PDB file of N, CA and C in Angstrom:
ATOM      1  N   MET A   1      -1.565 254.211 181.697  1.00  0.00           N
ATOM      2  CA  MET A   1      -2.955 254.566 181.555  1.00  0.00           C
ATOM      3  C   MET A   1      -3.802 253.301 181.457  1.00  0.00           C
ATOM      4  N   ASN A   2      -5.061 253.419 181.610  1.00  0.00           N
ATOM      5  CA  ASN A   2      -5.977 252.283 181.692  1.00  0.00           C
ATOM      6  C   ASN A   2      -6.579 251.950 180.324  1.00  0.00           C
ATOM      7  N   TRP A   3      -5.745 251.564 179.383  1.00  0.00           N
ATOM      8  CA  TRP A   3      -6.210 251.326 178.018  1.00  0.00           C
ATOM      9  C   TRP A   3      -7.171 250.150 177.922  1.00  0.00           C
ATOM     10  N   LEU A   4      -6.871 249.073 178.635  1.00  0.00           N
ATOM     11  CA  LEU A   4      -7.718 247.889 178.521  1.00  0.00           C
ATOM     12  C   LEU A   4      -9.128 248.170 179.036  1.00  0.00           C
ATOM     13  N   GLY A   5      -9.226 248.776 180.200  1.00  0.00           N
ATOM     14  CA  GLY A   5     -10.544 249.105 180.749  1.00  0.00           C
ATOM     15  C   GLY A   5     -11.311 250.069 179.869  1.00  0.00           C
ATOM     16  N   MET A   6     -10.592 251.030 179.297  1.00  0.00           N
ATOM     17  CA  MET A   6     -11.246 251.998 178.416  1.00  0.00           C
ATOM     18  C   MET A   6     -11.771 251.331 177.144  1.00  0.00           C
ATOM     19  N   MET A   7     -10.966 250.427 176.588  1.00  0.00           N
ATOM     20  CA  MET A   7     -11.380 249.747 175.352  1.00  0.00           C
ATOM     21  C   MET A   7     -12.591 248.849 175.597  1.00  0.00           C
ATOM     22  N   ILE A   8     -12.569 248.109 176.685  1.00  0.00           N
ATOM     23  CA  ILE A   8     -13.695 247.226 177.000  1.00  0.00           C
ATOM     24  C   ILE A   8     -14.948 248.042 177.285  1.00  0.00           C
ATOM     25  N   GLY A   9     -14.806 249.107 178.073  1.00  0.00           N
ATOM     26  CA  GLY A   9     -15.951 249.959 178.383  1.00  0.00           C
ATOM     27  C   GLY A   9     -16.543 250.612 177.146  1.00  0.00           C
ATOM     28  N   ALA A  10     -15.681 251.065 176.251  1.00  0.00           N
ATOM     29  CA  ALA A  10     -16.168 251.688 175.016  1.00  0.00           C
ATOM     30  C   ALA A  10     -16.898 250.675 174.142  1.00  0.00           C
ATOM     31  N   ALA A  11     -16.359 249.456 174.055  1.00  0.00           N
ATOM     32  CA  ALA A  11     -17.000 248.415 173.242  1.00  0.00           C
ATOM     33  C   ALA A  11     -18.374 248.068 173.786  1.00  0.00           C
ATOM     34  N   ILE A  12     -18.485 247.962 175.106  1.00  0.00           N
ATOM     35  CA  ILE A  12     -19.785 247.655 175.716  1.00  0.00           C
ATOM     36  C   ILE A  12     -20.765 248.791 175.470  1.00  0.00           C
ATOM     37  N   ASP A  13     -20.292 250.028 175.613  1.00  0.00           N
ATOM     38  CA  ASP A  13     -21.161 251.185 175.430  1.00  0.00           C
ATOM     39  C   ASP A  13     -21.623 251.312 173.980  1.00  0.00           C
ATOM     40  N   ARG A  14     -20.775 250.948 173.031  1.00  0.00           N
ATOM     41  CA  ARG A  14     -21.136 251.042 171.607  1.00  0.00           C
ATOM     42  C   ARG A  14     -22.197 250.031 171.216  1.00  0.00           C
ATOM     43  N   GLU A  15     -22.310 248.940 171.966  1.00  0.00           N
ATOM     44  CA  GLU A  15     -23.343 247.944 171.656  1.00  0.00           C
ATOM     45  C   GLU A  15     -24.739 248.539 171.790  1.00  0.00           C
ATOM     46  N   ASP A  16     -24.882 249.552 172.639  1.00  0.00           N
ATOM     47  CA  ASP A  16     -26.178 250.205 172.828  1.00  0.00           C
ATOM     48  C   ASP A  16     -26.437 251.286 171.785  1.00  0.00           C
ATOM     49  N   GLY A  17     -25.448 251.510 170.938  1.00  0.00           N
ATOM     50  CA  GLY A  17     -25.604 252.540 169.919  1.00  0.00           C
ATOM     51  C   GLY A  17     -25.051 253.883 170.354  1.00  0.00           C
ATOM     52  N   ASP A  18     -24.430 253.952 171.503  1.00  0.00           N
ATOM     53  CA  ASP A  18     -23.844 255.200 171.984  1.00  0.00           C
ATOM     54  C   ASP A  18     -22.457 255.401 171.384  1.00  0.00           C
ATOM     55  N   SER A  19     -21.864 256.544 171.685  1.00  0.00           N
ATOM     56  CA  SER A  19     -20.558 256.876 171.107  1.00  0.00           C
ATOM     57  C   SER A  19     -19.423 256.087 171.756  1.00  0.00           C
ATOM     58  N   GLY A  20     -19.596 255.640 172.970  1.00  0.00           N
ATOM     59  CA  GLY A  20     -18.568 254.855 173.648  1.00  0.00           C
ATOM     60  C   GLY A  20     -17.717 255.667 174.591  1.00  0.00           C
ATOM     61  N   ILE A  21     -17.859 256.978 174.597  1.00  0.00           N
ATOM     62  CA  ILE A  21     -17.022 257.818 175.459  1.00  0.00           C
ATOM     63  C   ILE A  21     -17.364 257.596 176.929  1.00  0.00           C
ATOM     64  N   LYS A  22     -18.646 257.552 177.250  1.00  0.00           N
ATOM     65  CA  LYS A  22     -19.051 257.318 178.641  1.00  0.00           C
ATOM     66  C   LYS A  22     -18.551 255.943 179.104  1.00  0.00           C
ATOM     67  N   GLY A  23     -18.666 254.941 178.259  1.00  0.00           N
ATOM     68  CA  GLY A  23     -18.188 253.602 178.602  1.00  0.00           C
ATOM     69  C   GLY A  23     -16.688 253.568 178.803  1.00  0.00           C
ATOM     70  N   ALA A  24     -15.955 254.338 177.996  1.00  0.00           N
ATOM     71  CA  ALA A  24     -14.503 254.392 178.148  1.00  0.00           C
ATOM     72  C   ALA A  24     -14.117 255.023 179.483  1.00  0.00           C
ATOM     73  N   ILE A  25     -14.823 256.069 179.870  1.00  0.00           N
ATOM     74  CA  ILE A  25     -14.545 256.724 181.157  1.00  0.00           C
ATOM     75  C   ILE A  25     -14.849 255.775 182.304  1.00  0.00           C
ATOM     76  N   ILE A  26     -16.004 255.126 182.263  1.00  0.00           N
ATOM     77  CA  ILE A  26     -16.381 254.191 183.326  1.00  0.00           C
ATOM     78  C   ILE A  26     -15.430 253.003 183.359  1.00  0.00           C
ATOM     79  N   GLY A  27     -15.032 252.506 182.187  1.00  0.00           N
ATOM     80  CA  GLY A  27     -14.077 251.395 182.123  1.00  0.00           C
ATOM     81  C   GLY A  27     -12.732 251.762 182.712  1.00  0.00           C
ATOM     82  N   GLY A  28     -12.257 252.969 182.442  1.00  0.00           N
ATOM     83  CA  GLY A  28     -10.988 253.426 183.008  1.00  0.00           C
ATOM     84  C   GLY A  28     -11.049 253.548 184.515  1.00  0.00           C
ATOM     85  N   ILE A  29     -12.143 254.100 185.025  1.00  0.00           N
ATOM     86  CA  ILE A  29     -12.312 254.227 186.476  1.00  0.00           C
ATOM     87  C   ILE A  29     -12.406 252.851 187.118  1.00  0.00           C
ATOM     88  N   THR A  30     -13.158 251.947 186.487  1.00  0.00           N
ATOM     89  CA  THR A  30     -13.309 250.596 187.026  1.00  0.00           C
ATOM     90  C   THR A  30     -11.971 249.875 187.098  1.00  0.00           C
ATOM     91  N   GLU A  31     -11.158 250.014 186.073  1.00  0.00           N
ATOM     92  CA  GLU A  31      -9.855 249.354 186.084  1.00  0.00           C
ATOM     93  C   GLU A  31      -8.976 249.899 187.213  1.00  0.00           C
ATOM     94  N   THR A  32      -9.028 251.198 187.456  1.00  0.00           N
ATOM     95  CA  THR A  32      -8.249 251.799 188.548  1.00  0.00           C
ATOM     96  C   THR A  32      -8.710 251.275 189.901  1.00  0.00           C
ATOM     97  N   VAL A  33     -10.019 251.184 190.081  1.00  0.00           N
ATOM     98  CA  VAL A  33     -10.560 250.685 191.354  1.00  0.00           C
ATOM     99  C   VAL A  33     -10.177 249.227 191.562  1.00  0.00           C
ATOM    100  N   VAL A  34     -10.266 248.425 190.513  1.00  0.00           N
ATOM    101  CA  VAL A  34      -9.915 247.011 190.627  1.00  0.00           C
ATOM    102  C   VAL A  34      -8.436 246.841 190.951  1.00  0.00           C
ATOM    103  N   ARG A  35      -7.589 247.646 190.321  1.00  0.00           N
ATOM    104  CA  ARG A  35      -6.148 247.569 190.606  1.00  0.00           C
ATOM    105  C   ARG A  35      -5.843 247.887 192.064  1.00  0.00           C
ATOM    106  N   ALA A  36      -6.641 248.748 192.693  1.00  0.00           N
ATOM    107  CA  ALA A  36      -6.423 249.084 194.098  1.00  0.00           C
ATOM    108  C   ALA A  36      -7.070 248.060 195.026  1.00  0.00           C
ATOM    109  N   ALA A  37      -8.229 247.521 194.647  1.00  0.00           N
ATOM    110  CA  ALA A  37      -8.986 246.652 195.537  1.00  0.00           C
ATOM    111  C   ALA A  37      -8.448 245.227 195.589  1.00  0.00           C
ATOM    112  N   VAL A  38      -7.948 244.705 194.490  1.00  0.00           N
ATOM    113  CA  VAL A  38      -7.508 243.309 194.453  1.00  0.00           C
ATOM    114  C   VAL A  38      -6.357 243.038 195.427  1.00  0.00           C
ATOM    115  N   PRO A  39      -5.306 243.853 195.464  1.00  0.00           N
ATOM    116  CA  PRO A  39      -4.247 243.586 196.444  1.00  0.00           C
ATOM    117  C   PRO A  39      -4.738 243.651 197.891  1.00  0.00           C
ATOM    118  N   LEU A  40      -5.657 244.560 198.175  1.00  0.00           N
ATOM    119  CA  LEU A  40      -6.207 244.639 199.529  1.00  0.00           C
ATOM    120  C   LEU A  40      -7.015 243.389 199.870  1.00  0.00           C
ATOM    121  N   ALA A  41      -7.808 242.913 198.925  1.00  0.00           N
ATOM    122  CA  ALA A  41      -8.608 241.714 199.162  1.00  0.00           C
ATOM    123  C   ALA A  41      -7.722 240.490 199.344  1.00  0.00           C
ATOM    124  N   VAL A  42      -6.661 240.383 198.567  1.00  0.00           N
ATOM    125  CA  VAL A  42      -5.741 239.245 198.696  1.00  0.00           C
ATOM    126  C   VAL A  42      -5.031 239.293 200.045  1.00  0.00           C
ATOM    127  N   THR A  43      -4.589 240.475 200.459  1.00  0.00           N
ATOM    128  CA  THR A  43      -3.935 240.628 201.759  1.00  0.00           C
ATOM    129  C   THR A  43      -4.879 240.230 202.890  1.00  0.00           C
ATOM    130  N   PHE A  44      -6.135 240.674 202.811  1.00  0.00           N
ATOM    131  CA  PHE A  44      -7.124 240.314 203.817  1.00  0.00           C
ATOM    132  C   PHE A  44      -7.344 238.804 203.853  1.00  0.00           C
ATOM    133  N   ALA A  45      -7.462 238.182 202.683  1.00  0.00           N
ATOM    134  CA  ALA A  45      -7.718 236.742 202.616  1.00  0.00           C
ATOM    135  C   ALA A  45      -6.552 235.944 203.198  1.00  0.00           C
ATOM    136  N   ILE A  46      -5.324 236.357 202.908  1.00  0.00           N
ATOM    137  CA  ILE A  46      -4.162 235.659 203.454  1.00  0.00           C
ATOM    138  C   ILE A  46      -4.127 235.799 204.974  1.00  0.00           C
ATOM    139  N   GLY A  47      -4.356 237.000 205.475  1.00  0.00           N
ATOM    140  CA  GLY A  47      -4.376 237.219 206.929  1.00  0.00           C
ATOM    141  C   GLY A  47      -5.454 236.392 207.612  1.00  0.00           C
ATOM    142  N   TRP A  48      -6.639 236.346 207.012  1.00  0.00           N
ATOM    143  CA  TRP A  48      -7.718 235.553 207.590  1.00  0.00           C
ATOM    144  C   TRP A  48      -7.342 234.071 207.595  1.00  0.00           C
ATOM    145  N   GLY A  49      -6.741 233.596 206.517  1.00  0.00           N
ATOM    146  CA  GLY A  49      -6.353 232.185 206.439  1.00  0.00           C
ATOM    147  C   GLY A  49      -5.312 231.811 207.475  1.00  0.00           C
ATOM    148  N   VAL A  50      -4.359 232.700 207.704  1.00  0.00           N
ATOM    149  CA  VAL A  50      -3.335 232.435 208.723  1.00  0.00           C
ATOM    150  C   VAL A  50      -3.972 232.375 210.102  1.00  0.00           C
ATOM    151  N   GLN A  51      -4.827 233.327 210.421  1.00  0.00           N
ATOM    152  CA  GLN A  51      -5.488 233.315 211.730  1.00  0.00           C
ATOM    153  C   GLN A  51      -6.358 232.072 211.903  1.00  0.00           C
ATOM    154  N   TYR A  52      -7.081 231.693 210.857  1.00  0.00           N
ATOM    155  CA  TYR A  52      -7.933 230.512 210.917  1.00  0.00           C
ATOM    156  C   TYR A  52      -7.090 229.259 211.144  1.00  0.00           C
ATOM    157  N   GLY A  53      -5.992 229.150 210.410  1.00  0.00           N
ATOM    158  CA  GLY A  53      -5.116 227.991 210.566  1.00  0.00           C
ATOM    159  C   GLY A  53      -4.495 227.903 211.948  1.00  0.00           C
ATOM    160  N   LEU A  54      -4.052 229.031 212.472  1.00  0.00           N
ATOM    161  CA  LEU A  54      -3.484 229.034 213.827  1.00  0.00           C
ATOM    162  C   LEU A  54      -4.537 228.663 214.873  1.00  0.00           C
ATOM    163  N   ARG A  55      -5.748 229.172 214.711  1.00  0.00           N
ATOM    164  CA  ARG A  55      -6.825 228.854 215.647  1.00  0.00           C
ATOM    165  C   ARG A  55      -7.108 227.352 215.639  1.00  0.00           C
ATOM    166  N   LYS A  56      -7.185 226.757 214.451  1.00  0.00           N
ATOM    167  CA  LYS A  56      -7.439 225.322 214.345  1.00  0.00           C
ATOM    168  C   LYS A  56      -6.267 224.511 214.901  1.00  0.00           C
ATOM    169  N   ALA A  57      -5.039 224.992 214.717  1.00  0.00           N
ATOM    170  CA  ALA A  57      -3.872 224.282 215.243  1.00  0.00           C
ATOM    171  C   ALA A  57      -3.871 224.284 216.770  1.00  0.00           C
ATOM    172  N   VAL A  58      -4.224 225.414 217.371  1.00  0.00           N
ATOM    173  CA  VAL A  58      -4.275 225.496 218.834  1.00  0.00           C
ATOM    174  C   VAL A  58      -5.379 224.596 219.358  1.00  0.00           C
ATOM    175  N   GLU A  59      -6.533 224.614 218.715  1.00  0.00           N
ATOM    176  CA  GLU A  59      -7.639 223.762 219.154  1.00  0.00           C
ATOM    177  C   GLU A  59      -7.298 222.284 218.984  1.00  0.00           C
ATOM    178  N   ALA A  60      -6.606 221.917 217.910  1.00  0.00           N
ATOM    179  CA  ALA A  60      -6.234 220.524 217.675  1.00  0.00           C
ATOM    180  C   ALA A  60      -5.203 220.059 218.698  1.00  0.00           C
ATOM    181  N   ALA A  61      -4.394 220.973 219.200  1.00  0.00           N
ATOM    182  CA  ALA A  61      -3.388 220.628 220.196  1.00  0.00           C
ATOM    183  C   ALA A  61      -3.999 220.517 221.592  1.00  0.00           C
ATOM    184  N   GLY A  62      -5.293 220.725 221.697  1.00  0.00           N
ATOM    185  CA  GLY A  62      -5.969 220.583 222.978  1.00  0.00           C
ATOM    186  C   GLY A  62      -6.091 221.884 223.743  1.00  0.00           C
ATOM    187  N   GLY A  63      -5.665 222.957 223.158  1.00  0.00           N
ATOM    188  CA  GLY A  63      -5.762 224.253 223.821  1.00  0.00           C
ATOM    189  C   GLY A  63      -7.118 224.887 223.598  1.00  0.00           C
ATOM    190  N   GLN A  64      -7.368 225.926 224.364  1.00  0.00           N
ATOM    191  CA  GLN A  64      -8.594 226.679 224.208  1.00  0.00           C
ATOM    192  C   GLN A  64      -8.227 228.119 223.943  1.00  0.00           C
ATOM    193  N   LEU A  65      -9.123 228.816 223.290  1.00  0.00           N
ATOM    194  CA  LEU A  65      -8.912 230.225 223.000  1.00  0.00           C
ATOM    195  C   LEU A  65      -9.954 231.041 223.751  1.00  0.00           C
ATOM    196  N   ASN A  66      -9.514 232.181 224.295  1.00  0.00           N
ATOM    197  CA  ASN A  66     -10.492 233.068 224.927  1.00  0.00           C
ATOM    198  C   ASN A  66     -11.055 234.004 223.873  1.00  0.00           C
ATOM    199  N   ARG A  67     -11.874 234.963 224.279  1.00  0.00           N
ATOM    200  CA  ARG A  67     -12.550 235.835 223.323  1.00  0.00           C
ATOM    201  C   ARG A  67     -11.603 236.659 222.476  1.00  0.00           C
ATOM    202  N   SER A  68     -10.447 237.018 223.016  1.00  0.00           N
ATOM    203  CA  SER A  68      -9.518 237.850 222.246  1.00  0.00           C
ATOM    204  C   SER A  68      -8.703 237.011 221.269  1.00  0.00           C
ATOM    205  N   GLY A  69      -8.822 235.685 221.312  1.00  0.00           N
ATOM    206  CA  GLY A  69      -8.121 234.829 220.384  1.00  0.00           C
ATOM    207  C   GLY A  69      -6.786 234.312 220.893  1.00  0.00           C
ATOM    208  N   THR A  70      -6.450 234.623 222.137  1.00  0.00           N
ATOM    209  CA  THR A  70      -5.187 234.132 222.694  1.00  0.00           C
ATOM    210  C   THR A  70      -5.421 232.818 223.423  1.00  0.00           C
ATOM    211  N   ALA A  71      -4.386 232.000 223.481  1.00  0.00           N
ATOM    212  CA  ALA A  71      -4.505 230.690 224.121  1.00  0.00           C
ATOM    213  C   ALA A  71      -4.655 230.846 225.626  1.00  0.00           C
ATOM    214  N   VAL A  72      -5.444 229.955 226.217  1.00  0.00           N
ATOM    215  CA  VAL A  72      -5.661 229.970 227.660  1.00  0.00           C
ATOM    216  C   VAL A  72      -4.809 228.886 228.285  1.00  0.00           C
TER     217      VAL A  72
END
């Protein structure tokens, strides 16, 4: 379960004088979304870095790339 997100959300919500239940719900949902989004973002960043590095390596070797990204 998302205890950390719930605790942080409740603490933030209580600062406003509220009961903290709404903050706990939002904190739990936020933690679930972050757990799903971070691996996807890391995978995207690694893929982009590999493509960028390969493109620069081909260009440094004197090759050219066409629009689809393949060497000419």
